[in-house]
Amino acid sequence: MTAEKPKHDQLFRKSLENPIVAYELLQAHLPQEVLEIIDTSTLKLEKESFIEPDLSASIADVLFSAKFNDNDGFIYLLLEHQSTPEHFMAFRLFKYMVNICDRYRLENPKSKNLPLIYPLIIYNGTKNYNVPRNLWELFNNPMLAKKFWAEDHKIVNVHDIPDKEFKTRIWAGILEFFLKHRHEKQLLKRWQEIADILPELTKISIGYDYIKLILHYTLPSIDKDDKIELEKMLINTLNQEKGVELMTSLAQAWKEEGIEIGILDGVKIGKQEGIKLGKTEGKAELIQMMLNTGNSVDDIAKVTGLSVDEIEKLI
């Protein structure tokens, strides 16, 4: 009975388990500049494979750890044994090298550096190896791709931007403004500082939703009493319709999140019951405030949940 031929990956790995085979292969194919910095006495065959299971029939890999000038490093060998070379092999290789770095970080959590990795592809296909040899050649603009991926990334530190600059570009500015101040304990003051630009945002419909988004982001850093002042500010700053609409949507959002806050003394938003009015004084004070800011009785009914008759009696 004829013995079954060994699979490519089995042949590849088992052969390189022999230190003499591994040493000769690396001596023959690694660049001299790499050989000069590797301590070959530290070569160790690692057990891990980084090939996706569905590609194991066409690609095999072997990973050696070694010291590169006394620093941790790896030599990564890929055997590409399909008849036609893989066009995106440079990208696959990049992913595998990132995975190696990721594994290294997990095993060396205190290390502040990533290991050097030298990749080497061994190809025994029958077609010419005419596919891109580096990651950048896979892009339409290799020069820009290499620049974007390999050079220092740009950092925008919002703490370095003066607050007054944010008002010169109010849409992105309000986002950066609150990203800058988000860690402060009290954000009511910051809302008051940008109150004058809120009406500008609500000139188009998406501005209203944008303000709601920023409000939900900042509310956890605003105390209960300050929430009351924030609500007053919103009603006074925005036009009547938008102010009431925003109040209603905020009430619903806080209710869903189970947050109880006071609008005024005796007025609370609860988990299940929406806005409840407590003391008669609290009811009357809220209604009077909303009347003073131009809200109609119908508007007040929408926000408070009271009937028109109840509101008129309180008035």
Protein backbone atom coordinates (compact mmCIF):
# COMPACT_ATOMS: atom_id res chain seq x y z
CA MET A 1 0.00 0.00 0.00
CA THR A 2 1.42 3.38 -1.02
CA ALA A 3 2.03 5.77 1.85
CA GLU A 4 -0.05 8.98 1.80
CA LYS A 5 1.94 12.01 0.74
CA PRO A 6 2.42 14.51 3.59
CA LYS A 7 0.51 17.78 3.32
CA HIS A 8 2.48 20.85 2.38
CA ASP A 9 2.08 22.45 5.79
CA GLN A 10 3.11 19.27 7.58
CA LEU A 11 6.19 18.89 5.39
CA PHE A 12 7.04 22.57 5.84
CA ARG A 13 6.75 22.60 9.62
CA LYS A 14 8.26 19.23 10.32
CA SER A 15 11.25 19.97 8.12
CA LEU A 16 11.91 23.26 9.91
CA GLU A 17 11.70 21.57 13.29
CA ASN A 18 15.15 20.28 12.34
CA PRO A 19 17.48 23.10 13.49
CA ILE A 20 20.01 22.32 10.77
CA VAL A 21 17.37 22.72 8.03
CA ALA A 22 16.10 25.92 9.59
CA TYR A 23 19.61 27.38 9.97
CA GLU A 24 20.60 26.58 6.38
CA LEU A 25 17.36 27.96 4.95
CA LEU A 26 17.69 31.24 6.84
CA GLN A 27 21.39 31.58 6.09
CA ALA A 28 20.67 31.14 2.40
CA HIS A 29 17.74 33.51 2.05
CA LEU A 30 17.85 36.21 4.71
CA PRO A 31 19.54 39.49 3.70
CA GLN A 32 22.98 40.02 5.18
CA GLU A 33 21.81 43.08 7.10
CA VAL A 34 19.24 40.92 8.86
CA LEU A 35 21.66 38.07 9.53
CA GLU A 36 24.04 40.54 11.16
CA ILE A 37 21.55 41.54 13.85
CA ILE A 38 19.99 38.13 14.56
CA ASP A 39 21.39 35.91 17.28
CA THR A 40 20.87 32.54 15.56
CA SER A 41 21.48 30.73 18.85
CA THR A 42 18.16 32.12 20.10
CA LEU A 43 16.10 30.79 17.19
CA LYS A 44 13.00 29.00 18.45
CA LEU A 45 10.17 27.49 16.42
CA GLU A 46 6.84 28.77 17.74
CA LYS A 47 3.70 26.67 17.74
CA GLU A 48 1.20 29.26 16.53
CA SER A 49 -0.16 29.54 13.00
CA PHE A 50 -1.73 32.78 11.77
CA ILE A 51 -3.27 31.47 8.54
CA GLU A 52 -7.04 31.54 8.21
CA PRO A 53 -8.40 27.96 8.23
CA ASP A 54 -9.96 28.32 4.78
CA LEU A 55 -6.53 29.17 3.29
CA SER A 56 -4.57 26.35 4.89
CA ALA A 57 -4.82 24.29 1.71
CA SER A 58 -2.89 26.91 -0.26
CA ILE A 59 -0.70 28.63 2.35
CA ALA A 60 1.38 27.35 5.26
CA ASP A 61 3.33 29.35 7.80
CA VAL A 62 6.11 28.93 10.33
CA LEU A 63 7.12 31.44 12.97
CA PHE A 64 10.55 31.64 14.57
CA SER A 65 11.27 33.85 17.55
CA ALA A 66 14.77 35.27 17.86
CA LYS A 67 16.75 38.12 19.36
CA PHE A 68 17.41 41.10 17.10
CA ASN A 69 20.28 42.98 18.73
CA ASP A 70 19.08 41.67 22.12
CA ASN A 71 15.51 42.78 21.38
CA ASP A 72 12.56 40.44 20.85
CA GLY A 73 11.79 39.69 17.24
CA PHE A 74 10.38 37.13 14.83
CA ILE A 75 11.10 35.59 11.45
CA TYR A 76 7.89 34.72 9.67
CA LEU A 77 8.01 32.20 6.82
CA LEU A 78 5.06 31.77 4.49
CA LEU A 79 4.89 28.90 2.03
CA GLU A 80 2.59 29.80 -0.84
CA HIS A 81 1.99 26.52 -2.64
CA GLN A 82 -0.95 27.22 -4.90
CA SER A 83 -0.24 27.19 -8.62
CA THR A 84 -1.16 30.87 -9.11
CA PRO A 85 0.22 33.53 -6.75
CA GLU A 86 -2.29 35.33 -4.51
CA HIS A 87 -2.75 38.93 -5.70
CA PHE A 88 -3.46 40.21 -2.18
CA MET A 89 -0.69 38.23 -0.48
CA ALA A 90 1.05 41.45 0.60
CA PHE A 91 -2.13 42.46 2.43
CA ARG A 92 -2.54 39.01 4.00
CA LEU A 93 1.06 39.13 5.12
CA PHE A 94 0.49 42.54 6.69
CA LYS A 95 -2.50 41.17 8.63
CA TYR A 96 -0.53 38.15 9.81
CA MET A 97 2.30 40.37 11.03
CA VAL A 98 -0.18 42.56 12.91
CA ASN A 99 -1.62 39.40 14.50
CA ILE A 100 1.86 38.37 15.58
CA CYS A 101 2.34 41.75 17.23
CA ASP A 102 -1.05 41.43 18.89
CA ARG A 103 -0.16 38.04 20.33
CA TYR A 104 3.16 39.45 21.54
CA ARG A 105 1.37 42.28 23.35
CA LEU A 106 -0.93 39.81 25.11
CA GLU A 107 2.03 37.73 26.25
CA ASN A 108 4.13 40.77 27.20
CA PRO A 109 1.66 43.30 28.64
CA LYS A 110 4.40 45.39 30.28
CA SER A 111 6.36 45.87 27.08
CA LYS A 112 6.18 49.34 25.50
CA ASN A 113 7.61 48.16 22.17
CA LEU A 114 6.50 45.90 19.36
CA PRO A 115 8.84 43.19 18.08
CA LEU A 116 10.65 43.34 14.78
CA ILE A 117 9.25 40.85 12.27
CA TYR A 118 11.06 39.84 9.13
CA PRO A 119 8.75 38.13 6.58
CA LEU A 120 9.91 35.66 3.97
CA ILE A 121 7.66 34.06 1.36
CA ILE A 122 8.59 30.75 -0.22
CA TYR A 123 6.73 30.10 -3.45
CA ASN A 124 6.56 26.88 -5.43
CA GLY A 125 3.65 27.64 -7.75
CA THR A 126 3.84 27.06 -11.49
CA LYS A 127 2.96 30.62 -12.60
CA ASN A 128 5.29 33.61 -12.53
CA TYR A 129 5.22 35.49 -9.23
CA ASN A 130 4.05 38.78 -10.69
CA VAL A 131 1.75 40.09 -7.92
CA PRO A 132 2.43 43.20 -5.75
CA ARG A 133 5.33 42.65 -3.38
CA ASN A 134 4.39 45.25 -0.82
CA LEU A 135 1.23 46.62 0.71
CA TRP A 136 1.49 50.04 -0.95
CA GLU A 137 1.38 48.65 -4.51
CA LEU A 138 -2.13 47.42 -3.79
CA PHE A 139 -3.41 51.01 -3.63
CA ASN A 140 -4.26 53.25 -6.57
CA ASN A 141 -1.83 55.81 -5.17
CA PRO A 142 1.06 53.88 -3.56
CA MET A 143 2.96 57.03 -2.57
CA LEU A 144 0.05 58.55 -0.64
CA ALA A 145 -0.91 55.18 0.86
CA LYS A 146 2.58 54.72 2.24
CA LYS A 147 2.59 58.29 3.54
CA PHE A 148 -0.77 57.89 5.29
CA TRP A 149 0.00 54.48 6.77
CA ALA A 150 3.66 54.80 7.63
CA GLU A 151 4.22 58.41 8.69
CA ASP A 152 3.21 59.98 12.01
CA HIS A 153 -0.54 60.32 12.37
CA LYS A 154 -1.93 63.77 12.97
CA ILE A 155 -3.23 64.54 16.45
CA VAL A 156 -5.89 67.13 17.24
CA ASN A 157 -5.65 67.86 20.95
CA VAL A 158 -8.83 69.75 21.80
CA HIS A 159 -7.19 71.06 24.98
CA ASP A 160 -4.79 73.08 22.85
CA ILE A 161 -7.62 74.93 21.08
CA PRO A 162 -8.89 78.18 22.66
CA ASP A 163 -12.61 78.14 23.44
CA LYS A 164 -13.25 81.24 21.36
CA GLU A 165 -12.05 79.41 18.24
CA PHE A 166 -14.85 76.87 18.53
CA LYS A 167 -17.43 79.60 17.93
CA THR A 168 -15.87 80.42 14.55
CA ARG A 169 -17.06 77.02 13.25
CA ILE A 170 -20.10 76.36 15.35
CA TRP A 171 -21.13 72.96 13.98
CA ALA A 172 -17.89 71.09 14.55
CA GLY A 173 -16.90 73.63 17.18
CA ILE A 174 -19.65 72.70 19.65
CA LEU A 175 -18.60 69.05 19.37
CA GLU A 176 -14.94 69.84 20.03
CA PHE A 177 -15.90 72.29 22.79
CA PHE A 178 -17.70 69.61 24.80
CA LEU A 179 -15.11 66.96 24.02
CA LYS A 180 -12.63 69.37 25.57
CA HIS A 181 -14.67 70.04 28.71
CA ARG A 182 -16.41 66.67 29.09
CA HIS A 183 -14.33 65.63 32.11
CA GLU A 184 -15.28 68.68 34.15
CA LYS A 185 -17.67 68.06 37.04
CA GLN A 186 -20.04 70.87 36.11
CA LEU A 187 -21.01 71.55 32.52
CA LEU A 188 -23.86 74.01 33.04
CA LYS A 189 -21.39 76.87 32.84
CA ARG A 190 -20.13 75.58 29.51
CA TRP A 191 -23.64 75.39 28.10
CA GLN A 192 -24.19 78.97 29.18
CA GLU A 193 -20.99 79.98 27.40
CA ILE A 194 -22.21 78.67 24.04
CA ALA A 195 -25.89 79.55 24.48
CA ASP A 196 -25.63 82.39 21.95
CA ILE A 197 -24.79 80.01 19.08
CA LEU A 198 -27.66 77.57 19.69
CA PRO A 199 -30.27 79.58 17.73
CA GLU A 200 -27.90 79.56 14.74
CA LEU A 201 -27.84 75.76 14.82
CA THR A 202 -31.62 75.48 14.85
CA LYS A 203 -32.04 77.46 11.63
CA ILE A 204 -32.08 74.08 9.90
CA SER A 205 -33.88 70.99 11.16
CA ILE A 206 -30.81 68.82 11.74
CA GLY A 207 -29.47 71.42 14.16
CA TYR A 208 -32.17 70.59 16.66
CA ASP A 209 -31.27 66.88 16.58
CA TYR A 210 -27.62 67.82 16.88
CA ILE A 211 -28.26 69.82 20.07
CA LYS A 212 -30.17 66.85 21.50
CA LEU A 213 -27.21 64.61 20.75
CA ILE A 214 -24.78 66.91 22.56
CA LEU A 215 -27.19 67.26 25.49
CA HIS A 216 -27.42 63.50 25.96
CA TYR A 217 -23.64 63.29 25.89
CA THR A 218 -23.19 65.95 28.58
CA LEU A 219 -26.13 65.26 30.91
CA PRO A 220 -24.29 62.69 33.08
CA SER A 221 -21.91 65.47 34.13
CA ILE A 222 -24.64 67.91 35.12
CA ASP A 223 -26.06 67.96 38.64
CA LYS A 224 -29.78 67.80 39.35
CA ASP A 225 -30.08 71.46 40.27
CA ASP A 226 -28.03 72.48 37.25
CA LYS A 227 -30.34 70.47 35.00
CA ILE A 228 -33.12 72.79 36.14
CA GLU A 229 -31.07 75.82 35.12
CA LEU A 230 -30.13 74.16 31.85
CA GLU A 231 -33.78 73.65 30.99
CA LYS A 232 -34.55 77.28 31.74
CA MET A 233 -31.68 78.35 29.54
CA LEU A 234 -32.85 76.19 26.65
CA ILE A 235 -36.38 77.58 26.80
CA ASN A 236 -35.09 81.16 26.94
CA THR A 237 -32.45 80.71 24.25
CA LEU A 238 -34.33 78.75 21.60
CA ASN A 239 -37.57 79.87 20.02
CA GLN A 240 -40.79 78.82 21.70
CA GLU A 241 -41.55 75.87 19.46
CA LYS A 242 -38.04 74.46 19.54
CA GLY A 243 -37.68 75.03 23.27
CA VAL A 244 -40.83 73.11 24.07
CA GLU A 245 -39.98 70.36 21.60
CA LEU A 246 -36.53 69.97 23.07
CA MET A 247 -37.91 69.88 26.61
CA THR A 248 -40.34 67.13 25.63
CA SER A 249 -37.71 65.00 23.93
CA LEU A 250 -35.33 65.39 26.86
CA ALA A 251 -38.05 64.42 29.30
CA GLN A 252 -38.67 61.25 27.29
CA ALA A 253 -34.97 60.45 27.09
CA TRP A 254 -34.46 60.92 30.82
CA LYS A 255 -37.55 58.85 31.55
CA GLU A 256 -36.22 55.99 29.44
CA GLU A 257 -32.89 56.16 31.22
CA GLY A 258 -34.60 56.08 34.62
CA ILE A 259 -33.20 59.47 35.60
CA GLU A 260 -35.25 61.55 38.02
CA ILE A 261 -34.56 65.23 37.79
CA GLY A 262 -36.33 68.32 39.03
CA ILE A 263 -37.55 70.87 36.53
CA LEU A 264 -38.62 73.08 39.42
CA ASP A 265 -39.48 72.37 43.03
CA GLY A 266 -42.10 69.65 43.06
CA VAL A 267 -41.69 68.77 39.36
CA LYS A 268 -39.99 65.50 38.51
CA ILE A 269 -39.49 63.14 35.61
CA GLY A 270 -39.92 59.52 36.71
CA LYS A 271 -39.28 56.16 35.11
CA GLN A 272 -42.87 55.25 34.29
CA GLU A 273 -45.04 58.30 34.69
CA GLY A 274 -43.29 61.04 32.74
CA ILE A 275 -43.56 64.48 34.24
CA LYS A 276 -45.33 64.63 37.59
CA LEU A 277 -46.28 67.79 39.39
CA GLY A 278 -46.03 67.81 43.15
CA LYS A 279 -46.67 70.87 45.22
CA THR A 280 -49.19 73.39 43.99
CA GLU A 281 -46.51 76.05 44.25
CA GLY A 282 -44.24 74.02 42.04
CA LYS A 283 -46.91 73.56 39.42
CA ALA A 284 -47.81 77.20 39.34
CA GLU A 285 -44.16 78.27 39.20
CA LEU A 286 -43.40 76.03 36.26
CA ILE A 287 -46.49 77.14 34.34
CA GLN A 288 -45.78 80.79 35.02
CA MET A 289 -42.19 80.39 33.83
CA MET A 290 -43.32 78.78 30.60
CA LEU A 291 -45.98 81.44 30.04
CA ASN A 292 -43.36 84.13 30.57
CA THR A 293 -41.17 82.59 27.89
CA GLY A 294 -43.96 82.67 25.33
CA ASN A 295 -45.38 79.17 25.58
CA SER A 296 -49.09 78.70 24.94
CA VAL A 297 -51.37 76.70 27.22
CA ASP A 298 -51.39 73.91 24.63
CA ASP A 299 -47.57 73.86 24.63
CA ILE A 300 -47.51 73.65 28.40
CA ALA A 301 -49.99 70.80 28.34
CA LYS A 302 -47.72 68.85 26.00
CA VAL A 303 -44.70 69.27 28.28
CA THR A 304 -46.32 68.79 31.69
CA GLY A 305 -48.95 66.20 30.86
CA LEU A 306 -51.62 68.36 32.51
CA SER A 307 -54.95 69.02 30.84
CA VAL A 308 -55.82 72.48 29.60
CA ASP A 309 -58.47 72.76 32.35
CA GLU A 310 -55.94 71.90 35.05
CA ILE A 311 -53.52 74.48 33.73
CA GLU A 312 -56.17 77.19 33.60
CA LYS A 313 -57.18 76.46 37.20
CA LEU A 314 -53.56 76.78 38.31
CA ILE A 315 -53.19 80.04 36.44
